[in-house]
Amino acid sequence: MAYSSTRRRDNRVDQWPGFVDALATLLLVFIFLTSLFMIAQFFLSREVSSRDTVLTRLNAQISELTELLALERSSRSDVEDTLAALQASLSIVTGDRERLQGLLDAQRSGASDATGAIAGLQGELDSERQLSREALSQVEILNQQIAALRSQIASLEQALGASEKRDEQSQAQIADLGRRLNVALAQRVQELSRYRSDFFGRLRDILADRTNIRIVGDRFVFSSEVLFPSGSDELNSAGRGDLDEIAAALIELEGQIPPEIAWVLRVDGHTDARPVSGAGRFRSNWDLSAARAIAVVRYLIERGVDPVHLVAAGFGEFQPIDPGTGDEANARNRRIELKLTER
């Protein structure tokens, strides 16, 4: 009877090491997964703290969770492999147990020592059971963290949906404002075109009998000889008379155009391609063309035109209207152009 009791104890002791190894492996897996989820929770907290980057980092967090789930599945596969290895080890332990049984038969004198060893193994088994309970507690904490993480993801998805809705509303408002602005600009352009037509009609009436003043496109073109002596930027008396009538028309136009319409009368000076001597005031055709345009603008200001509505520009010989090089072509290219346009 004593022999049977001893054998049953031996059988129970020999089965526990495999079970203990399995529990240890599972514990390591749970600790590893716990660490991963704690790291994930840390990074998620940092990501959520930044409202401006939450939308772009949400996809990264979801990808990280996917990797964690894949890792958990891989770990589960590893545990299954470990259990299979433990079963194989168990069969080996069974063979060892049989060999141990033979040794026990040969060395019954050491039965008391074997009993002490069994008691020690029992204590280790109790310790492993305690560790198993702690591992289960860690698993429960891990499950709670996963639930909290899912709740946070749901909240982020709701915030993302609300943000997308606000973006759609903002885009609709921007599109509506753009349409209104385009309509307003079109109306302003139409109004300016109407006033430009009235101004040009008035100038046609004033300058209808002048053969050296012509209309080219949307501008009035004055031959330089009408306004200036050759090579000079001093207005002659005939040119002053023409500019007086233009100034009166501009002053009348200033009272008609609403102040919210930004408009200017651009005065462009042009010369022919022949270079200036360079010995006088003007070193180049740029200087001469700019000086003539400025002289016209200054005279209009003296006549009462608001400087806000005047612009002077010099183009030198680089914008000819006649590509020829003869006297007639040069006469046509020496000119002052007036154009009513937007500012």
Protein backbone atom coordinates (compact mmCIF):
# COMPACT_ATOMS: atom_id res chain seq x y z
CA MET A 1 0.00 0.00 0.00
CA ALA A 2 2.85 2.40 0.83
CA TYR A 3 4.38 1.63 -2.55
CA SER A 4 1.12 2.46 -4.40
CA SER A 5 0.71 5.74 -2.53
CA THR A 6 4.25 6.74 -3.32
CA ARG A 7 3.73 5.89 -6.99
CA ARG A 8 0.59 8.01 -7.23
CA ARG A 9 2.44 10.98 -5.75
CA ASP A 10 5.23 10.45 -8.21
CA ASN A 11 2.74 10.43 -11.07
CA ARG A 12 1.20 13.72 -9.95
CA VAL A 13 4.56 15.41 -9.53
CA ASP A 14 5.89 14.32 -12.91
CA GLN A 15 2.90 15.83 -14.76
CA TRP A 16 3.27 19.34 -13.32
CA PRO A 17 6.58 20.49 -14.85
CA GLY A 18 5.08 20.51 -18.35
CA PHE A 19 2.06 22.37 -17.07
CA VAL A 20 4.29 24.86 -15.26
CA ASP A 21 6.31 25.49 -18.43
CA ALA A 22 3.11 26.10 -20.36
CA LEU A 23 1.89 28.55 -17.75
CA ALA A 24 5.26 30.31 -17.76
CA THR A 25 5.11 30.63 -21.54
CA LEU A 26 1.57 31.99 -21.40
CA LEU A 27 2.62 34.41 -18.69
CA LEU A 28 5.46 35.72 -20.85
CA VAL A 29 3.06 36.12 -23.77
CA PHE A 30 0.54 38.01 -21.61
CA ILE A 31 3.27 40.24 -20.17
CA PHE A 32 4.54 40.94 -23.72
CA LEU A 33 1.05 41.77 -24.95
CA THR A 34 0.43 43.92 -21.86
CA SER A 35 3.61 45.89 -22.58
CA LEU A 36 2.62 46.36 -26.19
CA PHE A 37 -0.85 47.63 -25.27
CA MET A 38 0.58 49.94 -22.63
CA ILE A 39 2.93 51.38 -25.26
CA ALA A 40 0.03 51.68 -27.67
CA GLN A 41 -2.01 53.47 -24.98
CA PHE A 42 0.90 55.88 -24.35
CA PHE A 43 1.31 56.77 -28.00
CA LEU A 44 -2.45 57.07 -28.48
CA SER A 45 -2.67 59.51 -25.57
CA ARG A 46 0.05 61.61 -27.14
CA GLU A 47 -1.70 61.51 -30.50
CA VAL A 48 -5.10 62.51 -29.07
CA SER A 49 -3.50 65.47 -27.23
CA SER A 50 -2.88 67.18 -30.56
CA ARG A 51 -6.20 68.14 -32.13
CA ASP A 52 -4.63 69.43 -35.33
CA THR A 53 -2.93 66.07 -36.14
CA VAL A 54 -5.58 63.64 -34.87
CA LEU A 55 -7.07 63.03 -38.30
CA THR A 56 -3.78 62.10 -39.95
CA ARG A 57 -2.56 59.94 -37.06
CA LEU A 58 -5.81 58.06 -36.63
CA ASN A 59 -5.00 55.81 -39.56
CA ALA A 60 -1.56 55.09 -38.05
CA GLN A 61 -3.17 54.07 -34.74
CA ILE A 62 -5.63 51.78 -36.47
CA SER A 63 -2.75 50.24 -38.43
CA GLU A 64 -0.84 49.76 -35.19
CA LEU A 65 -3.85 48.03 -33.61
CA THR A 66 -4.04 45.77 -36.64
CA GLU A 67 -0.40 44.86 -36.19
CA LEU A 68 -0.99 44.18 -32.50
CA LEU A 69 -3.89 41.89 -33.33
CA ALA A 70 -1.75 40.13 -35.90
CA LEU A 71 0.99 39.80 -33.28
CA GLU A 72 -1.51 38.40 -30.80
CA ARG A 73 -2.62 35.84 -33.36
CA SER A 74 1.00 34.98 -34.05
CA SER A 75 1.64 34.65 -30.31
CA ARG A 76 -1.39 32.39 -30.01
CA SER A 77 0.06 30.23 -32.76
CA ASP A 78 3.36 30.17 -30.89
CA VAL A 79 1.56 29.08 -27.72
CA GLU A 80 -0.13 26.27 -29.60
CA ASP A 81 3.24 25.19 -30.92
CA THR A 82 4.63 25.37 -27.41
CA LEU A 83 1.77 23.20 -26.11
CA ALA A 84 2.49 20.67 -28.81
CA ALA A 85 6.14 20.69 -27.77
CA LEU A 86 5.05 20.28 -24.15
CA GLN A 87 2.98 17.25 -25.08
CA ALA A 88 6.01 15.76 -26.76
CA SER A 89 8.03 16.61 -23.66
CA LEU A 90 5.34 14.97 -21.55
CA SER A 91 5.80 11.71 -23.40
CA ILE A 92 9.53 12.00 -22.76
CA VAL A 93 8.82 12.71 -19.11
CA THR A 94 6.65 9.60 -18.99
CA GLY A 95 9.62 7.56 -20.18
CA ASP A 96 11.80 9.27 -17.61
CA ARG A 97 9.21 8.49 -14.98
CA GLU A 98 9.41 4.82 -15.82
CA ARG A 99 13.17 4.93 -15.56
CA LEU A 100 12.85 6.79 -12.28
CA GLN A 101 10.52 4.12 -11.03
CA GLY A 102 13.24 1.55 -11.65
CA LEU A 103 15.70 3.65 -9.75
CA LEU A 104 13.25 3.97 -6.88
CA ASP A 105 12.93 0.19 -6.73
CA ALA A 106 16.71 -0.09 -6.56
CA GLN A 107 17.14 2.72 -4.04
CA ARG A 108 14.33 2.45 -1.56
CA SER A 109 16.73 3.55 1.06
CA GLY A 110 16.52 7.07 -0.38
CA ALA A 111 12.73 7.22 -0.10
CA SER A 112 12.83 9.85 2.65
CA ASP A 113 14.99 12.14 0.46
CA ALA A 114 12.59 11.65 -2.46
CA THR A 115 9.69 12.59 -0.18
CA GLY A 116 11.43 15.86 0.73
CA ALA A 117 12.05 16.60 -2.92
CA ILE A 118 8.37 15.98 -3.66
CA ALA A 119 7.41 18.43 -0.93
CA GLY A 120 9.72 21.03 -2.46
CA LEU A 121 8.19 20.49 -5.88
CA GLN A 122 4.72 20.89 -4.36
CA GLY A 123 5.76 24.26 -2.97
CA GLU A 124 7.04 25.33 -6.38
CA LEU A 125 3.75 24.20 -7.88
CA ASP A 126 1.82 26.36 -5.42
CA SER A 127 4.04 29.30 -6.34
CA GLU A 128 3.36 28.71 -10.05
CA ARG A 129 -0.37 28.58 -9.34
CA GLN A 130 -0.09 31.98 -7.63
CA LEU A 131 1.70 33.33 -10.68
CA SER A 132 -1.06 31.92 -12.88
CA ARG A 133 -3.69 33.81 -10.89
CA GLU A 134 -1.66 37.00 -11.29
CA ALA A 135 -1.42 36.36 -15.03
CA LEU A 136 -5.19 36.01 -15.23
CA SER A 137 -5.52 39.31 -13.40
CA GLN A 138 -3.18 40.94 -15.93
CA VAL A 139 -5.25 39.51 -18.77
CA GLU A 140 -8.37 41.05 -17.26
CA ILE A 141 -6.63 44.44 -17.02
CA LEU A 142 -5.50 44.07 -20.62
CA ASN A 143 -9.07 43.37 -21.73
CA GLN A 144 -10.25 46.50 -19.93
CA GLN A 145 -7.56 48.55 -21.67
CA ILE A 146 -8.61 47.15 -25.04
CA ALA A 147 -12.23 48.11 -24.31
CA ALA A 148 -11.15 51.63 -23.34
CA LEU A 149 -9.06 51.88 -26.49
CA ARG A 150 -12.01 50.86 -28.64
CA SER A 151 -14.15 53.49 -26.92
CA GLN A 152 -11.53 56.13 -27.70
CA ILE A 153 -11.39 55.03 -31.33
CA ALA A 154 -15.19 55.33 -31.55
CA SER A 155 -14.98 58.86 -30.10
CA LEU A 156 -12.30 59.79 -32.62
CA GLU A 157 -14.43 58.46 -35.46
CA GLN A 158 -17.33 60.60 -34.28
CA ALA A 159 -15.04 63.64 -34.07
CA LEU A 160 -13.76 62.90 -37.56
CA GLY A 161 -17.30 62.67 -38.92
CA ALA A 162 -18.22 65.99 -37.31
CA SER A 163 -15.06 67.61 -38.69
CA GLU A 164 -15.78 66.33 -42.19
CA LYS A 165 -19.30 67.72 -41.96
CA ARG A 166 -17.95 71.12 -40.90
CA ASP A 167 -15.46 71.01 -43.77
CA GLU A 168 -18.27 70.32 -46.23
CA GLN A 169 -20.25 73.26 -44.87
CA SER A 170 -17.18 75.51 -45.06
CA GLN A 171 -16.49 74.47 -48.64
CA ALA A 172 -20.09 75.20 -49.57
CA GLN A 173 -19.84 78.65 -47.97
CA ILE A 174 -16.54 79.36 -49.75
CA ALA A 175 -18.03 78.30 -53.08
CA ASP A 176 -21.05 80.54 -52.47
CA LEU A 177 -18.81 83.50 -51.55
CA GLY A 178 -16.73 82.85 -54.66
CA ARG A 179 -19.81 82.95 -56.83
CA ARG A 180 -20.96 86.17 -55.20
CA LEU A 181 -17.52 87.72 -55.64
CA ASN A 182 -17.42 86.75 -59.31
CA VAL A 183 -20.85 88.25 -59.83
CA ALA A 184 -19.80 91.46 -58.05
CA LEU A 185 -16.58 91.69 -60.06
CA ALA A 186 -18.48 91.10 -63.29
CA GLN A 187 -20.89 93.88 -62.34
CA ARG A 188 -17.99 96.21 -61.55
CA VAL A 189 -16.35 95.41 -64.89
CA GLN A 190 -19.61 96.04 -66.68
CA GLU A 191 -20.08 99.33 -64.88
CA LEU A 192 -16.51 100.41 -65.70
CA SER A 193 -17.03 99.37 -69.33
CA ARG A 194 -20.14 101.51 -69.48
CA TYR A 195 -18.32 104.53 -68.03
CA ARG A 196 -15.38 103.88 -70.38
CA SER A 197 -17.79 103.95 -73.32
CA ASP A 198 -19.29 107.22 -72.10
CA PHE A 199 -15.82 108.74 -71.62
CA PHE A 200 -14.64 107.64 -75.04
CA GLY A 201 -17.84 108.93 -76.59
CA ARG A 202 -17.24 112.30 -74.94
CA LEU A 203 -13.63 112.38 -76.19
CA ARG A 204 -14.77 111.49 -79.72
CA ASP A 205 -17.06 114.49 -79.66
CA ILE A 206 -14.31 116.74 -78.33
CA LEU A 207 -11.51 115.53 -80.62
CA ALA A 208 -13.54 114.57 -83.69
CA ASP A 209 -11.95 117.20 -85.96
CA ARG A 210 -8.32 116.31 -85.10
CA THR A 211 -6.65 114.16 -87.78
CA ASN A 212 -3.53 113.55 -85.72
CA ILE A 213 -5.53 111.91 -82.91
CA ARG A 214 -6.88 108.47 -83.59
CA ILE A 215 -8.56 105.59 -81.77
CA VAL A 216 -6.67 102.28 -81.61
CA GLY A 217 -8.60 99.54 -79.86
CA ASP A 218 -9.59 100.74 -76.39
CA ARG A 219 -7.32 103.79 -76.26
CA PHE A 220 -6.87 107.30 -77.73
CA VAL A 221 -3.55 107.82 -79.47
CA PHE A 222 -2.04 111.33 -79.70
CA SER A 223 0.85 111.99 -82.01
CA SER A 224 3.76 113.34 -79.97
CA GLU A 225 3.96 116.39 -82.22
CA VAL A 226 0.45 117.40 -81.09
CA LEU A 227 1.63 117.76 -77.50
CA PHE A 228 5.43 118.22 -77.52
CA PRO A 229 8.17 119.79 -79.61
CA SER A 230 10.70 117.36 -81.07
CA GLY A 231 12.93 115.79 -78.42
CA SER A 232 11.24 117.72 -75.56
CA ASP A 233 8.86 116.98 -72.71
CA GLU A 234 7.49 120.54 -72.53
CA LEU A 235 3.80 120.75 -73.52
CA ASN A 236 3.03 123.15 -76.35
CA SER A 237 0.04 125.48 -76.35
CA ALA A 238 -2.06 123.32 -78.71
CA GLY A 239 -1.45 120.28 -76.61
CA ARG A 240 -2.46 122.13 -73.45
CA GLY A 241 -5.77 123.04 -75.06
CA ASP A 242 -6.51 119.40 -75.93
CA LEU A 243 -5.56 118.29 -72.42
CA ASP A 244 -7.83 120.96 -70.90
CA GLU A 245 -10.81 119.36 -72.61
CA ILE A 246 -9.68 115.87 -71.54
CA ALA A 247 -9.26 117.10 -67.93
CA ALA A 248 -12.79 118.51 -67.95
CA ALA A 249 -14.14 115.18 -69.21
CA LEU A 250 -12.19 113.30 -66.52
CA ILE A 251 -13.44 115.57 -63.74
CA GLU A 252 -17.00 115.01 -64.92
CA LEU A 253 -16.32 111.24 -65.04
CA GLU A 254 -14.98 111.28 -61.47
CA GLY A 255 -18.31 112.55 -60.28
CA GLN A 256 -20.20 109.81 -62.12
CA ILE A 257 -18.19 106.65 -61.33
CA PRO A 258 -19.00 105.26 -57.84
CA PRO A 259 -16.03 105.43 -55.43
CA GLU A 260 -15.97 101.66 -54.92
CA ILE A 261 -14.95 101.14 -58.57
CA ALA A 262 -11.14 101.32 -58.79
CA TRP A 263 -10.21 102.98 -62.10
CA VAL A 264 -7.34 104.98 -63.55
CA LEU A 265 -6.49 106.83 -66.75
CA ARG A 266 -3.15 105.37 -67.88
CA VAL A 267 -0.91 107.73 -69.85
CA ASP A 268 1.65 105.78 -71.92
CA GLY A 269 4.63 107.48 -73.55
CA HIS A 270 6.22 105.95 -76.69
CA THR A 271 9.10 107.00 -78.95
CA ASP A 272 10.42 105.84 -82.32
CA ALA A 273 13.49 103.60 -82.66
CA ARG A 274 15.98 106.39 -83.34
CA PRO A 275 18.26 106.88 -80.32
CA VAL A 276 18.50 110.23 -78.57
CA SER A 277 21.81 112.07 -78.60
CA GLY A 278 22.42 111.53 -74.92
CA ALA A 279 23.94 114.98 -74.54
CA GLY A 280 20.82 116.66 -73.15
CA ARG A 281 18.48 115.80 -70.30
CA PHE A 282 17.50 112.43 -71.72
CA ARG A 283 20.02 109.63 -71.95
CA SER A 284 17.67 107.19 -73.71
CA ASN A 285 14.23 106.86 -75.27
CA TRP A 286 13.08 105.35 -71.96
CA ASP A 287 13.77 108.67 -70.24
CA LEU A 288 12.07 110.71 -72.96
CA SER A 289 8.91 108.54 -73.12
CA ALA A 290 8.55 108.45 -69.32
CA ALA A 291 9.12 112.21 -69.00
CA ARG A 292 6.42 112.96 -71.60
CA ALA A 293 3.89 110.68 -69.86
CA ILE A 294 4.68 112.32 -66.51
CA ALA A 295 4.31 115.79 -68.05
CA VAL A 296 0.79 114.90 -69.26
CA VAL A 297 -0.16 113.52 -65.85
CA ARG A 298 1.16 116.59 -64.04
CA TYR A 299 -0.79 118.93 -66.31
CA LEU A 300 -4.01 116.98 -65.76
CA ILE A 301 -3.43 117.20 -62.00
CA GLU A 302 -2.96 120.97 -62.34
CA ARG A 303 -6.30 121.08 -64.14
CA GLY A 304 -8.02 119.44 -61.13
CA VAL A 305 -7.94 115.72 -61.92
CA ASP A 306 -7.48 113.54 -58.80
CA PRO A 307 -3.94 111.99 -58.84
CA VAL A 308 -5.46 108.74 -57.57
CA HIS A 309 -6.97 108.24 -61.02
CA LEU A 310 -3.78 108.84 -63.03
CA VAL A 311 -0.86 106.58 -63.99
CA ALA A 312 2.23 107.47 -66.08
CA ALA A 313 4.27 104.84 -67.93
CA GLY A 314 7.20 105.04 -70.37
CA PHE A 315 7.73 102.32 -72.99
CA GLY A 316 10.56 103.84 -75.02
CA GLU A 317 10.75 102.45 -78.55
CA PHE A 318 9.84 98.89 -77.56
CA GLN A 319 6.07 98.93 -78.27
CA PRO A 320 5.80 100.19 -81.88
CA ILE A 321 2.49 100.16 -83.71
CA ASP A 322 4.20 100.40 -87.10
CA PRO A 323 7.11 97.98 -87.78
CA GLY A 324 8.53 100.20 -90.50
CA THR A 325 11.66 102.37 -90.23
CA GLY A 326 10.69 105.30 -92.48
CA ASP A 327 9.59 108.78 -91.47
CA GLU A 328 5.89 107.92 -91.53
CA ALA A 329 6.41 104.83 -89.39
CA ASN A 330 8.52 106.80 -86.92
CA ALA A 331 5.84 109.52 -86.74
CA ARG A 332 3.19 106.92 -85.98
CA ASN A 333 5.31 105.31 -83.27
CA ARG A 334 6.02 108.63 -81.50
CA ARG A 335 2.82 108.92 -79.51
CA ILE A 336 0.98 109.39 -76.21
CA GLU A 337 -1.78 106.87 -75.48
CA LEU A 338 -4.68 107.36 -73.05
CA LYS A 339 -6.46 104.29 -71.71
CA LEU A 340 -9.22 104.11 -69.09
CA THR A 341 -8.71 100.86 -67.17
CA GLU A 342 -8.98 99.16 -63.79
CA ARG A 343 -6.51 99.92 -61.05
